[in-house]
Amino acid sequence: MNRRIASLMRISVRAIVLLVAASPAGAVTTISLEEVLASSREHFPRVQSAVAEILAQQGRVTEALGAFDLALEQESLIWADGYYDGVSTDSKLVKPVGPANAKLFAGYRVSNDDFPIYQQELVTNDGGEFNLGIVFSMWRDRATDARRVAIDNARLGVREARIELRLARLMTQRNAARAYWRWLAAGRELAVYRQLAALAEKRMDGLDQRVAAGDVAAIFVVENRQNLLRRQALVTSAERDFRLAAIELSLYLRDHEGRPRRALETELPDAFPDADLEIEDPQSLVADVLARRPELALIDVDRRRGENSLKLAENLLKPRVDVGFKAAQDLGAGSRAREGFDAIVDVTISIPLERRRALGQADSARAKLRRLEFDRQLQSDRLTNELAKLGVTIDAARRFVAISRDEAAQADIMERAERRRFDAGASDFFVVNLREERSADARLRNLQATLGYFVGLVDYYATIVDLDALGLHADAEF
């Protein structure tokens, strides 16, 4: 693993981060991949949106915790008309707590004695009644209830938002690196086409002189001009592709205020880094990768929500048995029956006779959990296959880069030799033109092979969640 990390650092820091040497004041330096990754990491809107969503989900946690806020409750009863003229006021502080669906209360109640005999429990002594107590559930809502589930689901929302942030960072950095490599490839392809057109322009001057001297037929000038126009058309097409690539890169390359910045042609590096890194066997990384992939973590969050829904549904199937304990003390003058300390036990029982709502919720929750199991298995299989395909793709791309590089070198030798023969009059226009275009095609194939290699490498880093290679910090908030 240490050898792998060292290799990755070599390719992602020394090779990928192109040399930005000390230069005179005002000189333009090249854009490195590290600069692009740092810019997208700090300023890309999708990442900022994901960060904001975390804050929103944290607010929902606070909202859910509000179900257990301390409250002041007051109840007043006044006989407004009739024979009796009773007045009763009951004020209390109520604090719900999580375990056993318990509720603590402490209060003060005061009333006069002008109530009918069947409401004498409302009457207090002159000094009123102080009381405190607790109510809790013995069966339904004892282990869980809607308020506690809401808090857990809200916290799962924060967890989900953090995972979404991690996924957003991975995809942003992957796309930023892809855009950078495509911009670099488009710039280097433009250089090849410009060089090809320059050769035709240079040959035009020589052909004019040779036609004037009678060495070659005038038709060769027409043929070369046609060839020049075709090559200039290729240059125009390549310039368009390069500008489009720069526009795409500007989504990720931003200034210090987060505004897109268009990369200049003068900031283009001279060449790709060496494409010679052999990656670790992807099959040996499957278990580690599956443990870190955000997609699987998101499914696990959904599974936790499904388990909460099932617990809540099973809770509704149970009878309700609530027990309350209350201690009360009246003060002041009044009936001797209200003197002294009172201890009261209250039991409330509620048994559901028809439970279709709870049964339906339970069946739905179980079905969702089964579906999530299949979804997770499919996602795991896809990631495993993607790793295997990336291993094959990168290995083949690395070998293709070497082959196309050698092919381009051989084509260049043949081109230069044929051009010397043409200048000496030992070759004709058609052959030298063919050699030039074959050499250019070989270089273009090498550029495309190199682009494929680095794009595959970026996809590999994103798949295995290699934060260092993608310009992310392992200790960043996810």
Protein backbone atom coordinates (compact mmCIF):
# COMPACT_ATOMS: atom_id res chain seq x y z
CA MET A 1 0.00 0.00 0.00
CA ASN A 2 2.88 2.38 0.77
CA ARG A 3 4.36 1.63 -2.64
CA ARG A 4 1.04 2.41 -4.26
CA ILE A 5 0.68 5.68 -2.36
CA ALA A 6 4.20 6.67 -3.37
CA SER A 7 3.41 5.91 -7.02
CA LEU A 8 0.17 7.87 -6.88
CA MET A 9 1.94 10.85 -5.36
CA ARG A 10 4.53 10.67 -8.11
CA ILE A 11 1.94 10.75 -10.88
CA SER A 12 -0.52 13.15 -9.24
CA VAL A 13 1.96 15.61 -7.75
CA ARG A 14 5.19 15.41 -9.75
CA ALA A 15 3.92 14.39 -13.15
CA ILE A 16 0.41 15.80 -13.21
CA VAL A 17 1.34 19.08 -11.56
CA LEU A 18 3.36 20.54 -14.43
CA LEU A 19 6.31 22.73 -13.73
CA VAL A 20 5.45 26.34 -12.92
CA ALA A 21 8.96 27.75 -12.87
CA ALA A 22 10.00 31.15 -11.60
CA SER A 23 9.51 33.57 -14.48
CA PRO A 24 10.00 37.27 -15.17
CA ALA A 25 7.38 39.71 -13.98
CA GLY A 26 4.38 39.76 -16.29
CA ALA A 27 5.15 36.39 -17.90
CA VAL A 28 2.27 33.93 -18.32
CA THR A 29 2.65 30.58 -16.59
CA THR A 30 1.00 27.34 -17.55
CA ILE A 31 -2.10 26.00 -15.83
CA SER A 32 -1.56 22.85 -13.82
CA LEU A 33 -4.08 20.19 -12.87
CA GLU A 34 -3.44 21.00 -9.22
CA GLU A 35 -4.57 24.58 -9.81
CA VAL A 36 -7.80 23.41 -11.47
CA LEU A 37 -8.55 20.88 -8.72
CA ALA A 38 -7.92 23.46 -6.00
CA SER A 39 -10.23 25.93 -7.73
CA SER A 40 -13.08 23.46 -8.19
CA ARG A 41 -12.68 22.21 -4.63
CA GLU A 42 -13.14 25.69 -3.20
CA HIS A 43 -15.53 27.40 -5.59
CA PHE A 44 -17.62 24.96 -7.63
CA PRO A 45 -21.33 25.80 -7.07
CA ARG A 46 -22.46 22.20 -6.76
CA VAL A 47 -20.12 21.72 -3.82
CA GLN A 48 -21.28 24.95 -2.21
CA SER A 49 -24.88 23.84 -2.68
CA ALA A 50 -24.15 20.53 -0.95
CA VAL A 51 -22.55 22.39 1.97
CA ALA A 52 -25.66 24.57 2.27
CA GLU A 53 -27.85 21.46 2.31
CA ILE A 54 -25.94 20.18 5.35
CA LEU A 55 -26.82 23.38 7.19
CA ALA A 56 -30.46 22.98 6.17
CA GLN A 57 -30.56 19.42 7.49
CA GLN A 58 -28.94 20.49 10.75
CA GLY A 59 -31.76 23.00 11.13
CA ARG A 60 -34.26 20.15 10.74
CA VAL A 61 -32.54 18.30 13.58
CA THR A 62 -33.03 21.33 15.82
CA GLU A 63 -36.65 21.48 14.68
CA ALA A 64 -37.21 17.82 15.57
CA LEU A 65 -35.58 18.27 18.99
CA GLY A 66 -38.15 20.99 19.62
CA ALA A 67 -40.72 18.26 20.31
CA PHE A 68 -39.02 17.90 23.72
CA ASP A 69 -38.88 21.59 24.55
CA LEU A 70 -39.94 22.78 27.99
CA ALA A 71 -43.42 24.33 27.90
CA LEU A 72 -45.59 26.41 30.23
CA GLU A 73 -49.20 25.25 30.17
CA GLN A 74 -52.17 26.92 31.83
CA GLU A 75 -55.79 25.86 32.06
CA SER A 76 -58.56 28.06 33.51
CA LEU A 77 -62.13 27.09 34.27
CA ILE A 78 -64.79 29.74 35.00
CA TRP A 79 -68.48 29.24 35.59
CA ALA A 80 -69.67 32.26 33.64
CA ASP A 81 -73.37 31.79 34.37
CA GLY A 82 -75.63 29.65 36.52
CA TYR A 83 -75.97 28.88 40.20
CA TYR A 84 -72.25 28.31 40.82
CA ASP A 85 -69.50 30.91 40.55
CA GLY A 86 -66.41 28.66 40.51
CA VAL A 87 -62.99 29.81 39.24
CA SER A 88 -59.98 27.48 38.85
CA THR A 89 -56.53 28.14 37.38
CA ASP A 90 -53.99 25.36 36.79
CA SER A 91 -50.46 26.36 35.65
CA LYS A 92 -47.61 23.91 35.14
CA LEU A 93 -44.21 23.45 33.53
CA VAL A 94 -44.07 20.37 31.29
CA LYS A 95 -40.86 18.77 30.06
CA PRO A 96 -41.09 15.78 27.72
CA VAL A 97 -38.10 13.41 27.86
CA GLY A 98 -37.17 10.65 25.43
CA PRO A 99 -36.91 7.42 27.45
CA ALA A 100 -40.22 5.61 27.95
CA ASN A 101 -42.07 8.53 26.33
CA ALA A 102 -41.92 10.18 29.75
CA LYS A 103 -43.24 13.61 30.61
CA LEU A 104 -42.24 15.48 33.76
CA PHE A 105 -44.39 18.25 35.17
CA ALA A 106 -44.48 20.65 38.10
CA GLY A 107 -47.35 23.03 38.70
CA TYR A 108 -49.47 25.24 40.89
CA ARG A 109 -53.28 25.13 41.02
CA VAL A 110 -55.62 27.48 42.84
CA SER A 111 -59.41 27.78 42.93
CA ASN A 112 -62.36 28.84 45.12
CA ASP A 113 -64.91 26.39 46.53
CA ASP A 114 -67.98 27.42 44.55
CA PHE A 115 -68.22 24.26 42.41
CA PRO A 116 -70.84 21.53 42.33
CA ILE A 117 -70.15 18.47 44.44
CA TYR A 118 -69.24 16.37 41.41
CA GLN A 119 -66.36 18.81 40.66
CA GLN A 120 -64.91 19.06 44.14
CA GLU A 121 -61.53 17.78 42.85
CA LEU A 122 -61.08 21.26 41.34
CA VAL A 123 -61.25 22.96 44.72
CA THR A 124 -58.01 23.87 46.56
CA ASN A 125 -57.22 25.46 49.91
CA ASP A 126 -56.68 29.19 50.09
CA GLY A 127 -52.95 28.90 49.40
CA GLY A 128 -53.46 26.70 46.36
CA GLU A 129 -51.90 23.36 45.53
CA PHE A 130 -48.30 22.67 44.49
CA ASN A 131 -47.80 19.45 42.55
CA LEU A 132 -45.24 17.55 40.54
CA GLY A 133 -45.19 14.23 38.79
CA ILE A 134 -44.27 12.03 35.86
CA VAL A 135 -46.20 10.17 33.19
CA PHE A 136 -44.58 7.43 31.11
CA SER A 137 -45.52 4.62 28.76
CA MET A 138 -45.23 0.96 29.71
CA TRP A 139 -45.95 -0.61 26.31
CA ARG A 140 -46.70 1.43 23.17
CA ASP A 141 -44.25 4.34 22.76
CA ARG A 142 -41.96 2.95 25.45
CA ALA A 143 -39.08 1.94 23.14
CA THR A 144 -39.83 4.38 20.33
CA ASP A 145 -42.39 6.91 19.23
CA ALA A 146 -42.98 9.38 16.40
CA ARG A 147 -40.98 12.18 18.07
CA ARG A 148 -37.86 10.08 18.61
CA VAL A 149 -38.12 8.63 15.11
CA ALA A 150 -38.39 12.16 13.70
CA ILE A 151 -35.16 13.13 15.48
CA ASP A 152 -33.33 10.05 14.23
CA ASN A 153 -34.58 10.64 10.68
CA ALA A 154 -33.48 14.27 10.88
CA ARG A 155 -29.99 13.16 11.94
CA LEU A 156 -30.02 10.68 9.08
CA GLY A 157 -30.80 13.65 6.84
CA VAL A 158 -27.59 15.32 8.03
CA ARG A 159 -25.70 12.11 7.39
CA GLU A 160 -27.22 11.87 3.92
CA ALA A 161 -26.31 15.50 3.16
CA ARG A 162 -22.70 14.84 4.20
CA ILE A 163 -22.56 11.81 1.93
CA GLU A 164 -24.06 13.85 -0.91
CA LEU A 165 -21.33 16.44 -0.29
CA ARG A 166 -18.71 13.73 -0.56
CA LEU A 167 -20.25 12.45 -3.79
CA ALA A 168 -20.46 16.00 -5.14
CA ARG A 169 -16.79 16.57 -4.34
CA LEU A 170 -15.76 13.30 -6.01
CA MET A 171 -17.77 13.95 -9.15
CA THR A 172 -16.69 17.59 -9.31
CA GLN A 173 -13.01 16.75 -9.03
CA ARG A 174 -13.35 13.92 -11.54
CA ASN A 175 -15.10 16.18 -14.04
CA ALA A 176 -12.63 18.99 -13.42
CA ALA A 177 -9.69 16.69 -14.14
CA ARG A 178 -11.43 15.35 -17.25
CA ALA A 179 -12.04 18.89 -18.49
CA TYR A 180 -8.40 19.78 -17.88
CA TRP A 181 -7.04 16.78 -19.78
CA ARG A 182 -9.43 17.40 -22.69
CA TRP A 183 -8.38 21.04 -22.81
CA LEU A 184 -4.74 20.00 -22.85
CA ALA A 185 -5.35 17.38 -25.57
CA ALA A 186 -7.33 19.89 -27.68
CA GLY A 187 -4.48 22.40 -27.39
CA ARG A 188 -1.85 19.89 -28.40
CA GLU A 189 -3.98 18.68 -31.32
CA LEU A 190 -4.34 22.29 -32.46
CA ALA A 191 -0.53 22.58 -32.44
CA VAL A 192 -0.27 19.47 -34.66
CA TYR A 193 -2.75 20.85 -37.19
CA ARG A 194 -1.05 24.26 -37.20
CA GLN A 195 2.30 22.63 -37.83
CA LEU A 196 0.77 20.63 -40.69
CA ALA A 197 -0.68 23.80 -42.24
CA ALA A 198 2.61 25.64 -41.77
CA LEU A 199 4.42 22.96 -43.78
CA ALA A 200 1.98 23.43 -46.65
CA GLU A 201 2.40 27.22 -46.49
CA LYS A 202 6.18 26.91 -46.54
CA ARG A 203 6.01 24.47 -49.44
CA MET A 204 3.84 26.93 -51.39
CA ASP A 205 6.70 29.42 -51.54
CA GLY A 206 9.13 26.73 -52.68
CA LEU A 207 6.77 25.41 -55.33
CA ASP A 208 6.24 28.87 -56.79
CA GLN A 209 9.99 29.22 -57.23
CA ARG A 210 10.35 25.73 -58.75
CA VAL A 211 7.46 26.32 -61.16
CA ALA A 212 9.11 29.57 -62.24
CA ALA A 213 12.35 27.65 -62.79
CA GLY A 214 10.53 24.91 -64.71
CA ASP A 215 11.41 22.13 -62.24
CA VAL A 216 7.80 21.12 -61.54
CA ALA A 217 4.47 21.48 -63.29
CA ALA A 218 2.14 24.32 -62.35
CA ILE A 219 -0.52 21.80 -61.37
CA PHE A 220 1.51 21.02 -58.26
CA VAL A 221 0.91 24.57 -57.04
CA VAL A 222 -2.85 24.08 -57.43
CA GLU A 223 -2.64 20.74 -55.68
CA ASN A 224 -0.65 22.18 -52.78
CA ARG A 225 -3.04 25.13 -52.44
CA GLN A 226 -5.96 22.71 -52.24
CA ASN A 227 -4.06 20.74 -49.64
CA LEU A 228 -3.26 23.95 -47.74
CA LEU A 229 -6.92 24.95 -47.67
CA ARG A 230 -7.89 21.53 -46.36
CA ARG A 231 -5.30 21.78 -43.61
CA GLN A 232 -6.41 25.31 -42.75
CA ALA A 233 -9.95 23.97 -42.39
CA LEU A 234 -8.61 21.36 -39.97
CA VAL A 235 -6.90 24.16 -38.02
CA THR A 236 -10.16 26.10 -37.85
CA SER A 237 -11.99 23.02 -36.58
CA ALA A 238 -9.24 22.37 -34.01
CA GLU A 239 -9.36 26.02 -32.85
CA ARG A 240 -13.11 25.67 -32.32
CA ASP A 241 -12.62 22.48 -30.31
CA PHE A 242 -9.91 24.12 -28.23
CA ARG A 243 -12.08 27.14 -27.44
CA LEU A 244 -14.98 24.86 -26.51
CA ALA A 245 -12.66 22.88 -24.24
CA ALA A 246 -11.53 26.12 -22.58
CA ILE A 247 -15.17 27.10 -22.01
CA GLU A 248 -15.86 23.72 -20.41
CA LEU A 249 -12.75 24.05 -18.25
CA SER A 250 -13.88 27.49 -17.03
CA LEU A 251 -16.67 25.78 -15.05
CA TYR A 252 -13.97 24.46 -12.75
CA LEU A 253 -11.14 26.99 -13.21
CA ARG A 254 -12.31 30.01 -11.21
CA ASP A 255 -10.78 33.16 -9.80
CA HIS A 256 -10.49 33.94 -6.10
CA GLU A 257 -14.06 35.26 -6.10
CA GLY A 258 -15.44 32.08 -7.62
CA ARG A 259 -16.11 33.45 -11.11
CA PRO A 260 -15.34 31.24 -14.15
CA ARG A 261 -12.00 32.05 -15.76
CA ARG A 262 -11.26 31.27 -19.40
CA ALA A 263 -7.89 29.57 -19.83
CA LEU A 264 -5.59 31.25 -22.38
CA GLU A 265 -3.75 29.42 -25.10
CA THR A 266 -0.50 30.82 -23.73
CA GLU A 267 -1.22 28.98 -20.46
CA LEU A 268 -1.24 25.61 -22.19
CA PRO A 269 1.43 23.14 -20.98
CA ASP A 270 3.88 21.91 -23.60
CA ALA A 271 3.00 18.22 -23.26
CA PHE A 272 1.22 15.55 -21.25
CA PRO A 273 3.03 13.99 -18.29
CA ASP A 274 4.47 10.52 -18.76
CA ALA A 275 1.76 7.87 -18.91
CA ASP A 276 3.65 5.04 -17.25
CA LEU A 277 1.90 4.38 -13.93
CA GLU A 278 0.78 0.79 -13.39
CA ILE A 279 -2.20 0.78 -11.06
CA GLU A 280 -2.82 -1.77 -8.36
CA ASP A 281 -4.94 -4.79 -9.25
CA PRO A 282 -8.53 -3.47 -8.88
CA GLN A 283 -9.82 -6.85 -7.69
CA SER A 284 -7.73 -6.53 -4.54
CA LEU A 285 -9.44 -3.21 -3.74
CA VAL A 286 -13.09 -4.29 -4.08
CA ALA A 287 -13.86 -4.73 -0.37
CA ASP A 288 -12.16 -1.46 0.59
CA VAL A 289 -13.85 0.46 -2.23
CA LEU A 290 -17.32 -0.87 -1.42
CA ALA A 291 -16.85 0.25 2.19
CA ARG A 292 -16.11 3.83 1.05
CA ARG A 293 -18.42 4.41 -1.88
CA PRO A 294 -20.99 7.18 -1.22
CA GLU A 295 -23.68 5.43 -3.28
CA LEU A 296 -23.73 2.45 -0.93
CA ALA A 297 -23.66 4.73 2.10
CA LEU A 298 -26.74 6.54 0.75
CA ILE A 299 -28.57 3.23 0.43
CA ASP A 300 -27.59 2.40 4.00
CA VAL A 301 -29.13 5.68 5.15
CA ASP A 302 -32.36 4.82 3.35
CA ARG A 303 -32.28 1.41 4.99
CA ARG A 304 -32.02 3.05 8.42
CA ARG A 305 -35.06 5.16 7.58
CA GLY A 306 -36.91 2.02 6.52
CA GLU A 307 -36.01 0.32 9.79
CA ASN A 308 -37.35 3.34 11.69
CA SER A 309 -40.61 3.16 9.74
CA LEU A 310 -40.93 -0.54 10.56
CA LYS A 311 -40.29 0.09 14.26
CA LEU A 312 -42.88 2.85 14.30
CA ALA A 313 -45.47 0.63 12.59
CA GLU A 314 -44.82 -2.26 14.97
CA ASN A 315 -45.13 0.18 17.87
CA LEU A 316 -48.63 1.14 16.70
CA LEU A 317 -49.68 -2.52 16.92
CA LYS A 318 -49.15 -2.52 20.69
CA PRO A 319 -51.72 -1.55 23.36
CA ARG A 320 -51.13 1.73 25.17
CA VAL A 321 -50.51 1.50 28.89
CA ASP A 322 -49.54 4.85 30.40
CA VAL A 323 -48.76 5.23 34.10
CA GLY A 324 -48.63 8.53 35.93
CA PHE A 325 -47.39 9.44 39.41
CA LYS A 326 -48.35 12.73 41.00
CA ALA A 327 -47.49 14.28 44.37
CA ALA A 328 -49.53 17.25 45.62
CA GLN A 329 -49.65 19.49 48.68
CA ASP A 330 -52.34 22.07 49.48
CA LEU A 331 -51.46 25.17 51.49
CA GLY A 332 -53.54 27.62 53.53
CA ALA A 333 -56.97 27.33 55.12
CA GLY A 334 -59.54 24.99 53.76
CA SER A 335 -61.10 21.59 54.16
CA ARG A 336 -59.32 19.11 56.40
CA ALA A 337 -59.74 16.60 53.55
CA ARG A 338 -57.22 18.60 51.55
CA GLU A 339 -54.63 18.89 54.28
CA GLY A 340 -51.48 16.81 54.11
CA PHE A 341 -49.50 15.20 51.29
CA ASP A 342 -51.31 13.45 48.43
CA ALA A 343 -49.78 10.69 46.27
CA ILE A 344 -51.80 9.78 43.18
CA VAL A 345 -51.28 6.96 40.66
CA ASP A 346 -53.04 7.16 37.30
CA VAL A 347 -53.19 4.28 34.77
CA THR A 348 -54.55 4.70 31.25
CA ILE A 349 -55.09 1.73 28.92
CA SER A 350 -56.00 1.84 25.24
CA ILE A 351 -56.20 -1.33 23.10
CA PRO A 352 -56.47 -1.09 19.30
CA LEU A 353 -59.17 -3.44 18.06
CA GLU A 354 -58.64 -2.86 14.34
CA ARG A 355 -55.03 -2.36 13.26
CA ARG A 356 -55.13 -2.04 9.49
CA ARG A 357 -53.22 1.24 9.44
CA ALA A 358 -50.33 -0.17 11.45
CA LEU A 359 -50.31 -3.47 9.55
CA GLY A 360 -50.23 -1.64 6.22
CA GLN A 361 -47.36 0.56 7.35
CA ALA A 362 -45.41 -2.48 8.57
CA ASP A 363 -45.89 -4.37 5.30
CA SER A 364 -44.83 -1.32 3.30
CA ALA A 365 -41.70 -0.84 5.44
CA ARG A 366 -40.66 -4.48 5.08
CA ALA A 367 -41.11 -4.35 1.31
CA LYS A 368 -38.99 -1.19 1.13
CA LEU A 369 -36.22 -2.86 3.13
CA ARG A 370 -36.22 -5.83 0.75
CA ARG A 371 -36.03 -3.48 -2.23
CA LEU A 372 -33.10 -1.64 -0.69
CA GLU A 373 -31.26 -4.92 -0.20
CA PHE A 374 -31.60 -5.68 -3.92
CA ASP A 375 -30.59 -2.11 -4.83
CA ARG A 376 -27.48 -2.38 -2.68
CA GLN A 377 -26.52 -5.70 -4.21
CA LEU A 378 -26.94 -4.31 -7.72
CA GLN A 379 -24.89 -1.21 -6.87
CA SER A 380 -22.14 -3.38 -5.37
CA ASP A 381 -22.06 -5.54 -8.49
CA ARG A 382 -21.89 -2.48 -10.73
CA LEU A 383 -19.00 -0.98 -8.76
CA THR A 384 -17.13 -4.29 -8.84
CA ASN A 385 -17.58 -4.51 -12.61
CA GLU A 386 -16.58 -0.86 -13.04
CA LEU A 387 -13.36 -1.48 -11.13
CA ALA A 388 -12.55 -4.49 -13.28
CA LYS A 389 -13.26 -2.58 -16.51
CA LEU A 390 -11.15 0.37 -15.39
CA GLY A 391 -8.24 -1.97 -14.70
CA VAL A 392 -8.48 -3.42 -18.21
CA THR A 393 -9.01 0.01 -19.80
CA ILE A 394 -6.08 1.71 -18.08
CA ASP A 395 -3.70 -1.16 -18.73
CA ALA A 396 -4.63 -1.24 -22.42
CA ALA A 397 -4.46 2.57 -22.65
CA ARG A 398 -0.99 2.61 -21.09
CA ARG A 399 0.27 0.07 -23.64
CA PHE A 400 -1.47 1.89 -26.48
CA VAL A 401 0.27 5.13 -25.44
CA ALA A 402 3.65 3.42 -25.70
CA ILE A 403 2.81 1.87 -29.07
CA SER A 404 1.42 5.09 -30.55
CA ARG A 405 4.41 7.04 -29.22
CA ASP A 406 6.80 4.68 -31.02
CA GLU A 407 4.62 4.83 -34.11
CA ALA A 408 4.73 8.63 -34.06
CA ALA A 409 8.53 8.57 -33.69
CA GLN A 410 8.90 6.27 -36.68
CA ALA A 411 6.48 8.33 -38.75
CA ASP A 412 8.45 11.47 -37.89
CA ILE A 413 11.67 9.86 -39.12
CA MET A 414 9.99 8.88 -42.39
CA GLU A 415 8.50 12.37 -42.78
CA ARG A 416 11.80 14.17 -42.30
CA ALA A 417 13.60 11.80 -44.64
CA GLU A 418 10.96 12.21 -47.34
CA ARG A 419 11.03 15.98 -46.98
CA ARG A 420 14.82 15.99 -47.51
CA ARG A 421 14.34 13.88 -50.63
CA PHE A 422 11.66 16.26 -51.88
CA ASP A 423 13.87 19.30 -51.28
CA ALA A 424 16.61 17.53 -53.23
CA GLY A 425 14.20 16.76 -56.08
CA ALA A 426 14.28 12.99 -55.47
CA SER A 427 10.64 12.74 -54.36
CA ASP A 428 7.33 14.18 -55.45
CA PHE A 429 4.61 16.23 -53.80
CA PHE A 430 2.21 13.35 -53.30
CA VAL A 431 4.62 11.19 -51.34
CA VAL A 432 5.89 13.94 -49.06
CA ASN A 433 2.32 15.08 -48.39
CA LEU A 434 1.39 11.50 -47.50
CA ARG A 435 4.35 11.21 -45.11
CA GLU A 436 3.44 14.49 -43.39
CA GLU A 437 -0.17 13.50 -42.87
CA ARG A 438 0.73 10.03 -41.64
CA SER A 439 3.12 11.59 -39.15
CA ALA A 440 0.43 14.02 -37.99
CA ASP A 441 -2.11 11.19 -37.71
CA ALA A 442 0.33 9.18 -35.60
CA ARG A 443 0.87 12.11 -33.24
CA LEU A 444 -2.88 12.69 -32.99
CA ARG A 445 -3.44 9.02 -32.17
CA ASN A 446 -0.81 9.28 -29.48
CA LEU A 447 -2.55 12.34 -28.03
CA GLN A 448 -5.91 10.57 -28.02
CA ALA A 449 -4.35 7.50 -26.41
CA THR A 450 -2.72 9.66 -23.75
CA LEU A 451 -6.00 11.48 -23.13
CA GLY A 452 -7.78 8.14 -22.77
CA TYR A 453 -5.16 6.99 -20.27
CA PHE A 454 -5.43 10.06 -18.03
CA VAL A 455 -9.23 10.18 -18.22
CA GLY A 456 -9.30 6.49 -17.24
CA LEU A 457 -6.88 7.22 -14.41
CA VAL A 458 -9.13 10.00 -13.12
CA ASP A 459 -12.14 7.68 -13.24
CA TYR A 460 -10.12 5.09 -11.36
CA TYR A 461 -9.18 7.56 -8.62
CA ALA A 462 -12.81 8.67 -8.28
CA THR A 463 -14.05 5.07 -8.12
CA ILE A 464 -11.61 4.00 -5.42
CA VAL A 465 -12.21 7.30 -3.56
CA ASP A 466 -8.56 8.34 -3.66
CA LEU A 467 -8.90 11.79 -2.11
CA ASP A 468 -5.24 12.77 -2.42
CA ALA A 469 -5.12 12.05 -6.15
CA LEU A 470 -8.25 14.15 -6.68
CA GLY A 471 -6.92 17.15 -4.77
CA LEU A 472 -9.19 16.57 -1.76
CA HIS A 473 -8.22 16.55 1.87
CA ALA A 474 -8.90 13.39 3.87
CA ASP A 475 -9.92 15.50 6.86
CA ALA A 476 -12.33 17.69 4.89
CA GLU A 477 -15.98 17.80 5.97
CA PHE A 478 -17.99 15.10 4.25
